[in-house]
C-alpha atoms as a PDB file:
ATOM      1  CA  MET A   1     115.182  82.855 160.058  1.00  0.00           C
ATOM      2  CA  TYR A   2     118.252  83.610 160.987  1.00  0.00           C
ATOM      3  CA  VAL A   3     119.806  86.898 162.469  1.00  0.00           C
ATOM      4  CA  PHE A   4     122.966  88.103 162.450  1.00  0.00           C
ATOM      5  CA  ILE A   5     123.340  91.553 165.008  1.00  0.00           C
ATOM      6  CA  THR A   6     126.919  92.662 163.957  1.00  0.00           C
ATOM      7  CA  ILE A   7     128.922  94.932 165.973  1.00  0.00           C
ATOM      8  CA  ASP A   8     132.165  96.681 164.093  1.00  0.00           C
ATOM      9  CA  THR A   9     134.077  97.323 167.125  1.00  0.00           C
ATOM     10  CA  GLU A  10     136.917  99.812 166.511  1.00  0.00           C
ATOM     11  CA  THR A  11     138.045 103.653 167.022  1.00  0.00           C
ATOM     12  CA  ALA A  12     137.849 106.930 165.401  1.00  0.00           C
ATOM     13  CA  ILE A  13     141.087 106.920 163.540  1.00  0.00           C
ATOM     14  CA  PRO A  14     142.437 110.254 162.958  1.00  0.00           C
ATOM     15  CA  ALA A  15     144.683 112.130 160.913  1.00  0.00           C
ATOM     16  CA  PRO A  16     148.220 110.628 161.653  1.00  0.00           C
ATOM     17  CA  GLY A  17     150.126 112.805 163.726  1.00  0.00           C
ATOM     18  CA  PRO A  18     152.317 112.986 167.361  1.00  0.00           C
ATOM     19  CA  ASP A  19     149.188 113.376 169.562  1.00  0.00           C
ATOM     20  CA  VAL A  20     147.585 111.072 168.924  1.00  0.00           C
ATOM     21  CA  SER A  21     146.021 109.521 171.852  1.00  0.00           C
ATOM     22  CA  PHE A  22     145.492 105.945 171.280  1.00  0.00           C
ATOM     23  CA  GLU A  23     143.889 105.282 174.972  1.00  0.00           C
ATOM     24  CA  ARG A  24     141.486 108.040 174.732  1.00  0.00           C
ATOM     25  CA  LEU A  25     140.403 106.588 171.217  1.00  0.00           C
ATOM     26  CA  ILE A  26     139.564 103.384 173.049  1.00  0.00           C
ATOM     27  CA  SER A  27     138.130 104.680 175.984  1.00  0.00           C
ATOM     28  CA  ARG A  28     135.389 105.800 173.502  1.00  0.00           C
ATOM     29  CA  GLY A  29     135.263 103.989 170.326  1.00  0.00           C
ATOM     30  CA  ILE A  30     135.831 100.799 172.231  1.00  0.00           C
ATOM     31  CA  TRP A  31     134.247 101.152 175.711  1.00  0.00           C
ATOM     32  CA  GLY A  32     132.400 104.128 174.737  1.00  0.00           C
ATOM     33  CA  GLU A  33     132.622 105.589 177.941  1.00  0.00           C
ATOM     34  CA  CYS A  34     131.179 109.315 178.538  1.00  0.00           C
ATOM     35  CA  ASP A  35     129.589 111.305 181.235  1.00  0.00           C
ATOM     36  CA  GLU A  36     127.294 109.048 181.827  1.00  0.00           C
ATOM     37  CA  GLY A  37     128.828 105.887 182.035  1.00  0.00           C
ATOM     38  CA  ASN A  38     130.284 102.865 179.535  1.00  0.00           C
ATOM     39  CA  PHE A  39     127.731 102.071 176.781  1.00  0.00           C
ATOM     40  CA  GLY A  40     130.317 100.364 174.319  1.00  0.00           C
ATOM     41  CA  THR A  41     131.660  97.116 173.624  1.00  0.00           C
ATOM     42  CA  ARG A  42     131.119  95.762 177.446  1.00  0.00           C
ATOM     43  CA  TYR A  43     127.626  97.369 177.164  1.00  0.00           C
ATOM     44  CA  ILE A  44     126.575  96.222 174.450  1.00  0.00           C
ATOM     45  CA  ALA A  45     127.541  92.618 175.180  1.00  0.00           C
ATOM     46  CA  ARG A  46     126.191  92.636 178.582  1.00  0.00           C
ATOM     47  CA  VAL A  47     122.275  93.750 177.756  1.00  0.00           C
ATOM     48  CA  LEU A  48     122.883  90.815 174.004  1.00  0.00           C
ATOM     49  CA  HIS A  49     123.627  88.350 176.956  1.00  0.00           C
ATOM     50  CA  GLU A  50     120.783  89.298 179.780  1.00  0.00           C
ATOM     51  CA  HIS A  51     118.689  89.042 176.597  1.00  0.00           C
ATOM     52  CA  GLY A  52     119.787  85.302 175.496  1.00  0.00           C
ATOM     53  CA  LEU A  53     120.708  86.767 172.579  1.00  0.00           C
ATOM     54  CA  LYS A  54     123.806  85.635 169.880  1.00  0.00           C
ATOM     55  CA  SER A  55     125.762  87.948 167.974  1.00  0.00           C
ATOM     56  CA  VAL A  56     128.819  89.062 166.227  1.00  0.00           C
ATOM     57  CA  PHE A  57     131.467  91.941 167.166  1.00  0.00           C
ATOM     58  CA  PHE A  58     133.240  92.220 164.010  1.00  0.00           C
ATOM     59  CA  VAL A  59     136.713  93.299 166.298  1.00  0.00           C
ATOM     60  CA  GLU A  60     139.471  95.419 164.561  1.00  0.00           C
ATOM     61  CA  SER A  61     142.667  94.144 164.715  1.00  0.00           C
ATOM     62  CA  LEU A  62     145.249  95.578 162.826  1.00  0.00           C
ATOM     63  CA  HIS A  63     145.783  98.706 165.506  1.00  0.00           C
ATOM     64  CA  ALA A  64     147.327  95.907 167.599  1.00  0.00           C
ATOM     65  CA  SER A  65     150.350  95.857 164.936  1.00  0.00           C
ATOM     66  CA  VAL A  66     151.242  99.193 166.043  1.00  0.00           C
ATOM     67  CA  PHE A  67     149.782  99.846 169.267  1.00  0.00           C
ATOM     68  CA  GLY A  68     151.027  96.597 170.911  1.00  0.00           C
ATOM     69  CA  PRO A  69     147.536  93.485 172.067  1.00  0.00           C
ATOM     70  CA  ARG A  70     146.884  94.611 174.988  1.00  0.00           C
ATOM     71  CA  HIS A  71     143.750  96.230 174.317  1.00  0.00           C
ATOM     72  CA  LEU A  72     142.598  93.422 171.476  1.00  0.00           C
ATOM     73  CA  GLU A  73     143.617  91.108 174.236  1.00  0.00           C
ATOM     74  CA  GLU A  74     140.675  92.936 176.548  1.00  0.00           C
ATOM     75  CA  ILE A  75     138.112  93.384 173.759  1.00  0.00           C
ATOM     76  CA  VAL A  76     138.387  89.840 172.937  1.00  0.00           C
ATOM     77  CA  GLY A  77     137.620  88.357 176.182  1.00  0.00           C
ATOM     78  CA  VAL A  78     134.705  90.752 177.113  1.00  0.00           C
ATOM     79  CA  VAL A  79     133.663  90.059 173.713  1.00  0.00           C
ATOM     80  CA  GLN A  80     133.687  85.994 174.446  1.00  0.00           C
ATOM     81  CA  GLY A  81     132.996  86.059 178.094  1.00  0.00           C
ATOM     82  CA  HIS A  82     129.882  87.847 177.139  1.00  0.00           C
ATOM     83  CA  GLY A  83     128.692  84.068 175.222  1.00  0.00           C
ATOM     84  CA  GLN A  84     129.383  86.445 172.189  1.00  0.00           C
ATOM     85  CA  GLU A  85     131.463  85.819 169.051  1.00  0.00           C
ATOM     86  CA  ALA A  86     134.628  87.839 167.931  1.00  0.00           C
ATOM     87  CA  GLN A  87     135.401  88.050 163.984  1.00  0.00           C
ATOM     88  CA  LEU A  88     137.436  89.687 161.418  1.00  0.00           C
ATOM     89  CA  HIS A  89     137.264  93.533 161.167  1.00  0.00           C
ATOM     90  CA  LEU A  90     140.158  95.550 159.566  1.00  0.00           C
ATOM     91  CA  HIS A  91     141.036  98.920 158.878  1.00  0.00           C
ATOM     92  CA  CYS A  92     143.881  99.874 156.442  1.00  0.00           C
ATOM     93  CA  GLU A  93     144.215 103.580 157.751  1.00  0.00           C
ATOM     94  CA  TRP A  94     145.720 102.305 160.611  1.00  0.00           C
ATOM     95  CA  MET A  95     148.742 100.999 158.300  1.00  0.00           C
ATOM     96  CA  ALA A  96     149.767 105.524 157.795  1.00  0.00           C
ATOM     97  CA  TYR A  97     150.802 104.718 161.833  1.00  0.00           C
ATOM     98  CA  ALA A  98     153.027 101.649 161.465  1.00  0.00           C
ATOM     99  CA  PRO A  99     156.627 101.637 161.111  1.00  0.00           C
ATOM    100  CA  LYS A 100     158.003 101.729 157.690  1.00  0.00           C
ATOM    101  CA  ASP A 101     159.170  97.708 158.069  1.00  0.00           C
ATOM    102  CA  VAL A 102     155.803  96.473 159.545  1.00  0.00           C
ATOM    103  CA  PHE A 103     153.640  96.791 156.149  1.00  0.00           C
ATOM    104  CA  GLY A 104     156.640  97.791 153.900  1.00  0.00           C
ATOM    105  CA  GLY A 105     155.984 101.856 153.526  1.00  0.00           C
ATOM    106  CA  ARG A 106     152.681 100.638 152.245  1.00  0.00           C
ATOM    107  CA  ILE A 107     149.408 102.754 153.075  1.00  0.00           C
ATOM    108  CA  ALA A 108     145.671 102.226 151.469  1.00  0.00           C
ATOM    109  CA  ALA A 109     142.144 103.402 152.563  1.00  0.00           C
ATOM    110  CA  ASN A 110     140.696 100.575 151.810  1.00  0.00           C
ATOM    111  CA  ILE A 111     142.104  97.153 151.130  1.00  0.00           C
ATOM    112  CA  TRP A 112     140.761  96.440 147.430  1.00  0.00           C
ATOM    113  CA  GLU A 113     143.386  99.065 146.695  1.00  0.00           C
ATOM    114  CA  LEU A 114     146.245  96.371 147.281  1.00  0.00           C
ATOM    115  CA  PRO A 115     146.705  93.345 144.790  1.00  0.00           C
ATOM    116  CA  LEU A 116     145.468  90.299 145.948  1.00  0.00           C
ATOM    117  CA  ASP A 117     148.617  89.168 147.373  1.00  0.00           C
ATOM    118  CA  GLU A 118     148.957  92.314 149.538  1.00  0.00           C
ATOM    119  CA  GLN A 119     145.538  92.059 150.145  1.00  0.00           C
ATOM    120  CA  ALA A 120     146.531  88.339 151.669  1.00  0.00           C
ATOM    121  CA  GLU A 121     149.157  89.399 153.544  1.00  0.00           C
ATOM    122  CA  LEU A 122     147.310  92.027 155.396  1.00  0.00           C
ATOM    123  CA  LEU A 123     144.959  90.100 156.411  1.00  0.00           C
ATOM    124  CA  ALA A 124     147.127  87.058 157.531  1.00  0.00           C
ATOM    125  CA  VAL A 125     148.603  89.665 159.962  1.00  0.00           C
ATOM    126  CA  ALA A 126     145.223  90.974 160.826  1.00  0.00           C
ATOM    127  CA  ARG A 127     143.959  87.187 161.888  1.00  0.00           C
ATOM    128  CA  ASN A 128     146.743  86.214 163.340  1.00  0.00           C
ATOM    129  CA  ASN A 129     146.498  89.849 165.865  1.00  0.00           C
ATOM    130  CA  LEU A 130     143.169  88.603 166.579  1.00  0.00           C
ATOM    131  CA  ILE A 131     143.958  84.550 167.328  1.00  0.00           C
ATOM    132  CA  GLU A 132     146.572  85.508 168.982  1.00  0.00           C
ATOM    133  CA  ALA A 133     144.277  87.647 171.223  1.00  0.00           C
ATOM    134  CA  GLY A 134     142.170  84.929 171.935  1.00  0.00           C
ATOM    135  CA  ALA A 135     139.854  84.814 168.990  1.00  0.00           C
ATOM    136  CA  SER A 136     138.159  80.653 169.406  1.00  0.00           C
ATOM    137  CA  ALA A 137     137.508  80.440 165.716  1.00  0.00           C
ATOM    138  CA  VAL A 138     137.999  83.386 163.311  1.00  0.00           C
ATOM    139  CA  THR A 139     136.087  82.635 159.947  1.00  0.00           C
ATOM    140  CA  ALA A 140     134.468  85.455 159.332  1.00  0.00           C
ATOM    141  CA  TYR A 141     135.159  89.097 157.579  1.00  0.00           C
ATOM    142  CA  ARG A 142     133.853  92.887 157.469  1.00  0.00           C
ATOM    143  CA  ALA A 143     135.966  95.220 155.266  1.00  0.00           C
ATOM    144  CA  GLY A 144     136.945  98.759 157.468  1.00  0.00           C
ATOM    145  CA  ASN A 145     134.460 100.904 154.886  1.00  0.00           C
ATOM    146  CA  TYR A 146     133.242  98.069 153.507  1.00  0.00           C
ATOM    147  CA  GLY A 147     135.825  98.636 151.503  1.00  0.00           C
ATOM    148  CA  ALA A 148     136.158  94.848 149.745  1.00  0.00           C
ATOM    149  CA  SER A 149     136.668  93.688 146.405  1.00  0.00           C
ATOM    150  CA  ASN A 150     135.814  90.307 144.647  1.00  0.00           C
ATOM    151  CA  ASP A 151     139.728  89.627 144.828  1.00  0.00           C
ATOM    152  CA  THR A 152     139.494  90.294 148.818  1.00  0.00           C
ATOM    153  CA  LEU A 153     136.956  86.901 148.798  1.00  0.00           C
ATOM    154  CA  LEU A 154     139.764  85.439 146.952  1.00  0.00           C
ATOM    155  CA  ALA A 155     142.252  86.749 149.746  1.00  0.00           C
ATOM    156  CA  LEU A 156     140.217  85.734 152.503  1.00  0.00           C
ATOM    157  CA  THR A 157     139.969  82.088 151.147  1.00  0.00           C
ATOM    158  CA  ARG A 158     143.857  81.988 151.024  1.00  0.00           C
ATOM    159  CA  ASN A 159     143.177  82.805 155.186  1.00  0.00           C
ATOM    160  CA  GLY A 160     140.889  80.143 155.805  1.00  0.00           C
ATOM    161  CA  ILE A 161     137.831  82.694 156.490  1.00  0.00           C
ATOM    162  CA  HIS A 162     134.878  81.177 154.196  1.00  0.00           C
ATOM    163  CA  VAL A 163     132.248  83.892 155.133  1.00  0.00           C
ATOM    164  CA  ASP A 164     132.229  87.369 154.292  1.00  0.00           C
ATOM    165  CA  SER A 165     129.917  90.471 155.426  1.00  0.00           C
ATOM    166  CA  SER A 166     131.195  93.530 153.243  1.00  0.00           C
ATOM    167  CA  TYR A 167     128.957  93.797 151.082  1.00  0.00           C
ATOM    168  CA  ASN A 168     126.621  97.138 151.444  1.00  0.00           C
ATOM    169  CA  LEU A 169     124.217  98.284 148.760  1.00  0.00           C
ATOM    170  CA  ASN A 170     124.203 101.782 150.016  1.00  0.00           C
ATOM    171  CA  TYR A 171     128.785 101.829 149.501  1.00  0.00           C
ATOM    172  CA  LEU A 172     128.534 100.587 146.052  1.00  0.00           C
ATOM    173  CA  ALA A 173     129.303 103.749 144.512  1.00  0.00           C
ATOM    174  CA  GLU A 174     131.806 104.561 147.249  1.00  0.00           C
ATOM    175  CA  ASP A 175     134.076 102.244 149.346  1.00  0.00           C
ATOM    176  CA  CYS A 176     132.501  98.500 148.539  1.00  0.00           C
ATOM    177  CA  LYS A 177     133.757  96.782 145.385  1.00  0.00           C
ATOM    178  CA  ILE A 178     131.744  93.620 145.670  1.00  0.00           C
ATOM    179  CA  SER A 179     130.360  93.218 141.921  1.00  0.00           C
ATOM    180  CA  VAL A 180     127.833  90.662 141.622  1.00  0.00           C
ATOM    181  CA  PRO A 181     125.231  90.373 139.038  1.00  0.00           C
ATOM    182  CA  GLU A 182     122.342  91.325 140.542  1.00  0.00           C
ATOM    183  CA  LYS A 183     121.417  93.355 144.337  1.00  0.00           C
ATOM    184  CA  LEU A 184     122.072  90.958 147.092  1.00  0.00           C
ATOM    185  CA  THR A 185     119.159  90.342 149.607  1.00  0.00           C
ATOM    186  CA  GLY A 186     120.475  86.896 150.604  1.00  0.00           C
ATOM    187  CA  PRO A 187     123.849  84.800 151.492  1.00  0.00           C
ATOM    188  CA  VAL A 188     125.525  83.397 148.412  1.00  0.00           C
ATOM    189  CA  LYS A 189     128.349  81.590 147.542  1.00  0.00           C
ATOM    190  CA  MET A 190     131.314  83.334 145.402  1.00  0.00           C
ATOM    191  CA  GLY A 191     133.795  80.880 144.974  1.00  0.00           C
ATOM    192  CA  ASP A 192     134.575  79.408 148.189  1.00  0.00           C
ATOM    193  CA  VAL A 193     133.051  82.296 149.931  1.00  0.00           C
ATOM    194  CA  VAL A 194     129.726  82.634 151.279  1.00  0.00           C
ATOM    195  CA  GLU A 195     128.853  86.440 150.930  1.00  0.00           C
ATOM    196  CA  VAL A 196     126.055  87.501 153.506  1.00  0.00           C
ATOM    197  CA  PRO A 197     124.919  91.254 152.462  1.00  0.00           C
ATOM    198  CA  VAL A 198     123.728  93.462 155.022  1.00  0.00           C
ATOM    199  CA  THR A 199     120.047  93.787 155.136  1.00  0.00           C
ATOM    200  CA  TRP A 200     119.027  96.829 153.196  1.00  0.00           C
ATOM    201  CA  PHE A 201     115.220  97.762 152.304  1.00  0.00           C
ATOM    202  CA  HIS A 202     113.199 100.244 150.287  1.00  0.00           C
ATOM    203  CA  ASP A 203     112.445 103.711 152.479  1.00  0.00           C
ATOM    204  CA  GLY A 204     111.195 105.834 150.024  1.00  0.00           C
ATOM    205  CA  PRO A 205     110.689 106.016 146.378  1.00  0.00           C
ATOM    206  CA  GLY A 206     113.887 105.507 145.000  1.00  0.00           C
ATOM    207  CA  HIS A 207     115.965 105.324 148.110  1.00  0.00           C
ATOM    208  CA  THR A 208     117.117 102.202 150.013  1.00  0.00           C
ATOM    209  CA  ARG A 209     118.791 102.356 153.601  1.00  0.00           C
ATOM    210  CA  ALA A 210     120.723  99.536 155.368  1.00  0.00           C
ATOM    211  CA  LEU A 211     119.628  97.866 158.438  1.00  0.00           C
ATOM    212  CA  GLN A 212     121.627  99.784 160.606  1.00  0.00           C
ATOM    213  CA  LEU A 213     120.864 100.936 164.383  1.00  0.00           C
ATOM    214  CA  CYS A 214     121.941 104.768 164.133  1.00  0.00           C
ATOM    215  CA  ALA A 215     119.694 104.706 160.696  1.00  0.00           C
ATOM    216  CA  CYS A 216     116.613 103.178 161.362  1.00  0.00           C
ATOM    217  CA  SER A 217     113.754 103.425 164.165  1.00  0.00           C
ATOM    218  CA  LEU A 218     112.765 100.618 166.149  1.00  0.00           C
ATOM    219  CA  ALA A 219     109.589 100.372 164.108  1.00  0.00           C
ATOM    220  CA  GLU A 220     111.619  99.917 160.686  1.00  0.00           C
ATOM    221  CA  MET A 221     113.736  97.139 162.295  1.00  0.00           C
ATOM    222  CA  LYS A 222     110.337  95.188 163.405  1.00  0.00           C
ATOM    223  CA  TYR A 223     108.619  95.665 160.181  1.00  0.00           C
ATOM    224  CA  VAL A 224     111.961  94.649 157.539  1.00  0.00           C
ATOM    225  CA  LEU A 225     112.426  91.257 160.203  1.00  0.00           C
ATOM    226  CA  ASN A 226     108.982  90.798 159.943  1.00  0.00           C
ATOM    227  CA  ALA A 227     108.395  91.310 155.946  1.00  0.00           C
ATOM    228  CA  MET A 228     111.943  88.887 155.714  1.00  0.00           C
ATOM    229  CA  HIS A 229     110.559  86.153 157.995  1.00  0.00           C
ATOM    230  CA  ALA A 230     107.312  86.221 156.067  1.00  0.00           C
ATOM    231  CA  ALA A 231     108.731  85.948 152.623  1.00  0.00           C
ATOM    232  CA  GLY A 232     110.954  83.308 153.854  1.00  0.00           C
ATOM    233  CA  ALA A 233     113.992  84.889 153.795  1.00  0.00           C
ATOM    234  CA  LYS A 234     117.208  82.725 155.253  1.00  0.00           C
ATOM    235  CA  ALA A 235     118.970  85.732 157.126  1.00  0.00           C
ATOM    236  CA  ALA A 236     118.773  89.162 157.925  1.00  0.00           C
ATOM    237  CA  VAL A 237     122.097  91.198 159.274  1.00  0.00           C
ATOM    238  CA  LEU A 238     121.821  94.235 161.320  1.00  0.00           C
ATOM    239  CA  VAL A 239     124.740  96.788 162.183  1.00  0.00           C
ATOM    240  CA  LEU A 240     125.539  99.092 164.635  1.00  0.00           C
ATOM    241  CA  HIS A 241     129.148  99.899 165.805  1.00  0.00           C
ATOM    242  CA  SER A 242     130.620  99.967 169.769  1.00  0.00           C
ATOM    243  CA  PHE A 243     130.655 103.847 169.759  1.00  0.00           C
ATOM    244  CA  GLU A 244     126.958 103.822 168.231  1.00  0.00           C
ATOM    245  CA  LEU A 245     125.122 104.400 171.975  1.00  0.00           C
ATOM    246  CA  LEU A 246     127.357 107.905 172.278  1.00  0.00           C
ATOM    247  CA  SER A 247     126.249 110.904 171.169  1.00  0.00           C
ATOM    248  CA  ARG A 248     128.159 112.439 168.380  1.00  0.00           C
ATOM    249  CA  ASP A 249     130.532 114.292 170.122  1.00  0.00           C
ATOM    250  CA  MET A 250     131.042 111.164 172.102  1.00  0.00           C
ATOM    251  CA  SER A 251     130.470 113.264 175.731  1.00  0.00           C
ATOM    252  CA  ARG A 252     127.198 111.393 176.493  1.00  0.00           C
ATOM    253  CA  VAL A 253     124.858 108.816 175.700  1.00  0.00           C
ATOM    254  CA  GLU A 254     122.191 108.848 172.897  1.00  0.00           C
ATOM    255  CA  LYS A 255     118.819 107.804 174.494  1.00  0.00           C
ATOM    256  CA  ILE A 256     117.274 107.409 171.221  1.00  0.00           C
ATOM    257  CA  ALA A 257     119.508 104.794 169.667  1.00  0.00           C
ATOM    258  CA  ARG A 258     119.998 103.356 173.258  1.00  0.00           C
ATOM    259  CA  ALA A 259     116.112 102.934 173.572  1.00  0.00           C
ATOM    260  CA  ARG A 260     116.458 101.087 169.885  1.00  0.00           C
ATOM    261  CA  PHE A 261     118.566  98.589 170.966  1.00  0.00           C
ATOM    262  CA  LEU A 262     117.217  97.944 173.880  1.00  0.00           C
ATOM    263  CA  GLY A 263     113.896  97.563 172.093  1.00  0.00           C
ATOM    264  CA  LEU A 264     115.016  95.306 169.358  1.00  0.00           C
ATOM    265  CA  CYS A 265     116.960  92.883 172.260  1.00  0.00           C
ATOM    266  CA  LYS A 266     113.301  92.749 173.909  1.00  0.00           C
ATOM    267  CA  PHE A 267     111.649  92.487 170.336  1.00  0.00           C
ATOM    268  CA  LEU A 268     114.302  89.476 169.496  1.00  0.00           C
ATOM    269  CA  ALA A 269     113.853  87.634 172.399  1.00  0.00           C
ATOM    270  CA  ASP A 270     110.215  87.709 172.541  1.00  0.00           C
ATOM    271  CA  ASN A 271     109.745  86.629 168.832  1.00  0.00           C
ATOM    272  CA  SER A 272     112.738  83.159 169.560  1.00  0.00           C
ATOM    273  CA  ASP A 273     110.698  81.276 168.253  1.00  0.00           C
ATOM    274  CA  ARG A 274     111.061  82.853 164.468  1.00  0.00           C
ATOM    275  CA  PHE A 275     114.167  84.568 164.792  1.00  0.00           C
ATOM    276  CA  GLU A 276     117.384  82.533 166.113  1.00  0.00           C
ATOM    277  CA  THR A 277     120.201  85.474 166.775  1.00  0.00           C
ATOM    278  CA  VAL A 278     123.733  83.617 165.386  1.00  0.00           C
ATOM    279  CA  GLY A 279     127.208  83.938 165.163  1.00  0.00           C
ATOM    280  CA  PHE A 280     128.856  82.923 161.642  1.00  0.00           C
ATOM    281  CA  ASN A 281     130.495  80.171 163.399  1.00  0.00           C
ATOM    282  CA  ASP A 282     126.785  78.461 163.583  1.00  0.00           C
ATOM    283  CA  VAL A 283     125.999  78.689 159.844  1.00  0.00           C
ATOM    284  CA  GLY A 284     129.515  77.034 158.666  1.00  0.00           C
ATOM    285  CA  HIS A 285     127.068  74.358 156.718  1.00  0.00           C
ATOM    286  CA  TRP A 286     126.506  76.908 154.224  1.00  0.00           C
ATOM    287  CA  ARG A 287     129.329  76.459 152.097  1.00  0.00           C
ATOM    288  CA  GLU A 288     128.234  72.996 151.450  1.00  0.00           C
ATOM    289  CA  GLU A 289     124.075  74.003 150.572  1.00  0.00           C
ATOM    290  CA  ALA A 290     123.182  75.817 147.194  1.00  0.00           C
ATOM    291  CA  LEU A 291     122.489  79.216 148.327  1.00  0.00           C
ATOM    292  CA  ASP A 292     120.496  80.685 145.449  1.00  0.00           C
ATOM    293  CA  ASP A 293     118.261  82.713 148.152  1.00  0.00           C
ATOM    294  CA  ASN A 294     117.873  86.175 146.650  1.00  0.00           C
ATOM    295  CA  PRO A 295     114.390  87.597 147.857  1.00  0.00           C
ATOM    296  CA  PRO A 296     112.620  90.878 146.585  1.00  0.00           C
ATOM    297  CA  ALA A 297     113.510  93.909 149.257  1.00  0.00           C
ATOM    298  CA  VAL A 298     110.979  94.692 151.688  1.00  0.00           C
ATOM    299  CA  ARG A 299     109.451  98.400 151.328  1.00  0.00           C
ATOM    300  CA  SER A 300     108.783  99.726 154.263  1.00  0.00           C
ATOM    301  CA  ALA A 301     105.543 102.578 154.049  1.00  0.00           C
ATOM    302  CA  VAL A 302     106.366 106.414 153.640  1.00  0.00           C
ATOM    303  CA  THR A 303     104.772 107.171 156.947  1.00  0.00           C
ATOM    304  CA  ARG A 304     106.937 104.959 158.918  1.00  0.00           C
ATOM    305  CA  THR A 305     109.802 106.972 157.445  1.00  0.00           C
ATOM    306  CA  ALA A 306     108.514 109.583 157.901  1.00  0.00           C
ATOM    307  CA  LEU A 307     107.519 109.011 161.965  1.00  0.00           C
ATOM    308  CA  ARG A 308     111.465 108.104 161.862  1.00  0.00           C
ATOM    309  CA  ILE A 309     112.768 111.330 160.399  1.00  0.00           C
ATOM    310  CA  GLY A 310     110.621 113.160 163.124  1.00  0.00           C
ATOM    311  CA  GLU A 311     112.132 110.977 165.375  1.00  0.00           C
ATOM    312  CA  GLN A 312     115.777 112.033 164.518  1.00  0.00           C
ATOM    313  CA  VAL A 313     114.746 115.200 164.075  1.00  0.00           C
ATOM    314  CA  ALA A 314     113.873 115.433 167.831  1.00  0.00           C
ATOM    315  CA  GLY A 315     116.578 113.517 168.846  1.00  0.00           C
ATOM    316  CA  ASN A 316     119.187 115.994 167.012  1.00  0.00           C
ATOM    317  CA  LEU A 317     117.096 119.765 169.053  1.00  0.00           C
ATOM    318  CA  LEU A 318     117.710 117.503 172.158  1.00  0.00           C
ATOM    319  CA  TYR A 319     121.454 116.710 170.806  1.00  0.00           C
ATOM    320  CA  GLN A 320     122.090 120.964 170.170  1.00  0.00           C
ATOM    321  CA  ARG A 321     119.617 121.899 173.228  1.00  0.00           C
ATOM    322  CA  GLY A 322     122.263 119.548 175.727  1.00  0.00           C
ATOM    323  CA  ARG A 323     125.295 121.373 174.134  1.00  0.00           C
ATOM    324  CA  THR A 324     124.429 125.409 174.983  1.00  0.00           C
ATOM    325  CA  ALA A 325     122.522 123.889 178.060  1.00  0.00           C
END
C-alpha cells in the first residue's frame, strides 16, 4: 500500500499591517526555531531521510510574490536535498500583502472564491515561483485551508498539474468545496486530475477524524494504516505541518507530537514490506489506470480514542505548567 506523508510547509498569516515580520514567521513556521532547537522543515526532512522514507512537502509559494524568492529557494533546497518531494501549496491570504498591481487588488481567503480563469492565473504564478525556486517536477497541489473546488481541478489541468490532495472530509462544511457523489476514502479520477483525499476514519459514534499527526495518537495511526492495508486499500495520506512539532505558542518542542512523529517513522521503516512511502511523482501511472478504489472507512475502537484524549489532556497540562513555570 502506498503511504503519502504530506507536510504542509507554511507560515502563520497574521492580519495585514506594517509591523509584519516575515523573517520571524519563517523562523518559527518553516524552520521550527524555538528555545530548544529547530524542529521544523529541516528537522522533519532529515528524520524522514534517516529512516529511508519518502514524503511530499506541499510548499506554500505565493508568499514569494510578496517577499521575494530567497526563502522559497532555501526551503526547496532543503526538501529536495534530503530526497523529499516539493509540491505546490498556495494560501490566497498572501494576496492582501501584495502591491495592488501584482494581483490586480484581488483578495480571497480560499482559491475557490475566485472565477475559474483567475484561479488558473493565480496557480500559474505560484507554480512558476516554485519552479524558479528549484522544484524539480511540480505535478501535485494542495489548497491552503483545503479550500479547493471542482473549478480548481480544472484550473490545475490548465497548469499541467494532474494530482490534487485538497479533499478533506472534515472541511467539507467549511472551506473545502470539492463536490463528489460519495465520501472519498481512496484516490479517484475527476476529469484529468487524480484526487487523493486526506485519509480519515471513524473515531466515535457519528464522528470522523483526519489522519493528522497532531490529531491522532501513534496507536490510532498504526491501527488505521494496518486496517487499510488488510482491506486492500491503494493509498493512505497522512498530514502534518512544518510547525506541528512545536508547542502552540511555538516557544518549545511539543514532546508528544515529536514522539508520535518519531514513532510513526520507525513503524513505517520497520514495515516497508507492507507500506511504501512515495511522492506523487511516483504514481504518474494513476492517470492511465481505472481508479475506482473507495473502500469503507476504518472504524477505530472507542478505547483507542479515549487513550488519545487522555494523552492530549496530559500534554495540555504539561503545556500549561511549562508556561507558568
